[in-house]
């Protein structure tokens, strides 16, 4: 029994715990593009960048914060 392998390893012949994990081909990072999260994130960052180019400084990068900052800027103008 190889103590370096994970408890669920079927072969128990890996040189390291990392090699054991790589052999399982685990996908530890979520695929953001499949969930639409990446698209929403990009949209928010584009809106933030646009606001900054117009001289507005939102308190954060979320769409809510960018919209609030743009409304305040329009009301002040």
Protein backbone atom coordinates (compact mmCIF):
# COMPACT_ATOMS: atom_id res chain seq x y z
CA UNK A 1 0.00 0.00 0.00
CA UNK A 2 1.39 3.36 -1.06
CA UNK A 3 0.84 6.09 1.55
CA UNK A 4 1.43 8.75 -1.10
CA UNK A 5 -1.70 7.83 -3.07
CA UNK A 6 -5.18 9.04 -2.20
CA UNK A 7 -7.48 6.70 -0.34
CA UNK A 8 -9.62 6.19 -3.43
CA UNK A 9 -6.71 5.24 -5.69
CA UNK A 10 -7.26 1.94 -7.46
CA UNK A 11 -3.67 1.25 -8.54
CA UNK A 12 -1.74 2.59 -5.51
CA UNK A 13 1.44 2.83 -7.59
CA UNK A 14 1.99 6.57 -7.98
CA UNK A 15 5.24 8.24 -6.97
CA UNK A 16 3.49 11.16 -5.26
CA UNK A 17 0.07 12.37 -4.16
CA UNK A 18 0.14 14.91 -7.02
CA UNK A 19 0.86 12.17 -9.56
CA UNK A 20 -2.07 10.22 -8.14
CA UNK A 21 -4.39 13.23 -8.52
CA UNK A 22 -3.16 13.92 -12.07
CA UNK A 23 -3.82 10.29 -12.98
CA UNK A 24 -7.45 10.73 -11.92
CA UNK A 25 -7.70 13.67 -14.36
CA UNK A 26 -9.77 15.70 -11.91
CA UNK A 27 -11.09 19.02 -13.11
CA UNK A 28 -10.67 21.16 -10.01
CA UNK A 29 -11.32 24.47 -11.78
CA UNK A 30 -14.90 25.10 -12.85
CA UNK A 31 -15.58 25.77 -16.50
CA UNK A 32 -16.92 29.30 -16.16
CA UNK A 33 -17.94 29.62 -19.80
CA UNK A 34 -20.42 26.75 -19.47
CA UNK A 35 -22.33 28.42 -16.66
CA UNK A 36 -22.50 31.88 -18.16
CA UNK A 37 -20.51 33.24 -15.21
CA UNK A 38 -17.60 34.19 -17.44
CA UNK A 39 -19.87 36.09 -19.82
CA UNK A 40 -21.48 38.03 -16.95
CA UNK A 41 -18.09 38.76 -15.41
CA UNK A 42 -16.74 40.09 -18.72
CA UNK A 43 -19.84 42.27 -19.15
CA UNK A 44 -19.40 43.78 -15.69
CA UNK A 45 -15.71 44.47 -16.24
CA UNK A 46 -16.44 46.09 -19.61
CA UNK A 47 -19.04 48.35 -17.97
CA UNK A 48 -16.58 49.25 -15.21
CA UNK A 49 -13.89 50.07 -17.76
CA UNK A 50 -16.33 52.21 -19.73
CA UNK A 51 -17.30 54.13 -16.58
CA UNK A 52 -13.64 54.74 -15.71
CA UNK A 53 -12.95 56.04 -19.22
CA UNK A 54 -15.79 58.53 -18.71
CA UNK A 55 -14.18 59.73 -15.50
CA UNK A 56 -16.61 57.95 -13.17
CA UNK A 57 -15.16 55.95 -10.29
CA UNK A 58 -17.52 53.13 -9.20
CA UNK A 59 -17.10 51.65 -5.72
CA UNK A 60 -16.74 48.19 -7.23
CA UNK A 61 -16.86 46.21 -10.46
CA UNK A 62 -20.34 44.70 -10.11
CA UNK A 63 -23.01 45.94 -12.48
CA UNK A 64 -25.03 47.31 -9.55
CA UNK A 65 -22.12 49.46 -8.34
CA UNK A 66 -21.29 50.66 -11.85
CA UNK A 67 -24.92 51.60 -12.54
CA UNK A 68 -25.16 53.47 -9.22
CA UNK A 69 -22.00 55.43 -9.99
CA UNK A 70 -23.23 56.30 -13.48
CA UNK A 71 -26.58 57.53 -12.10
CA UNK A 72 -24.79 59.71 -9.54
CA UNK A 73 -22.53 61.14 -12.25
CA UNK A 74 -25.50 61.93 -14.52
CA UNK A 75 -27.39 63.59 -11.65
CA UNK A 76 -24.36 65.72 -10.78
CA UNK A 77 -23.90 66.86 -14.39
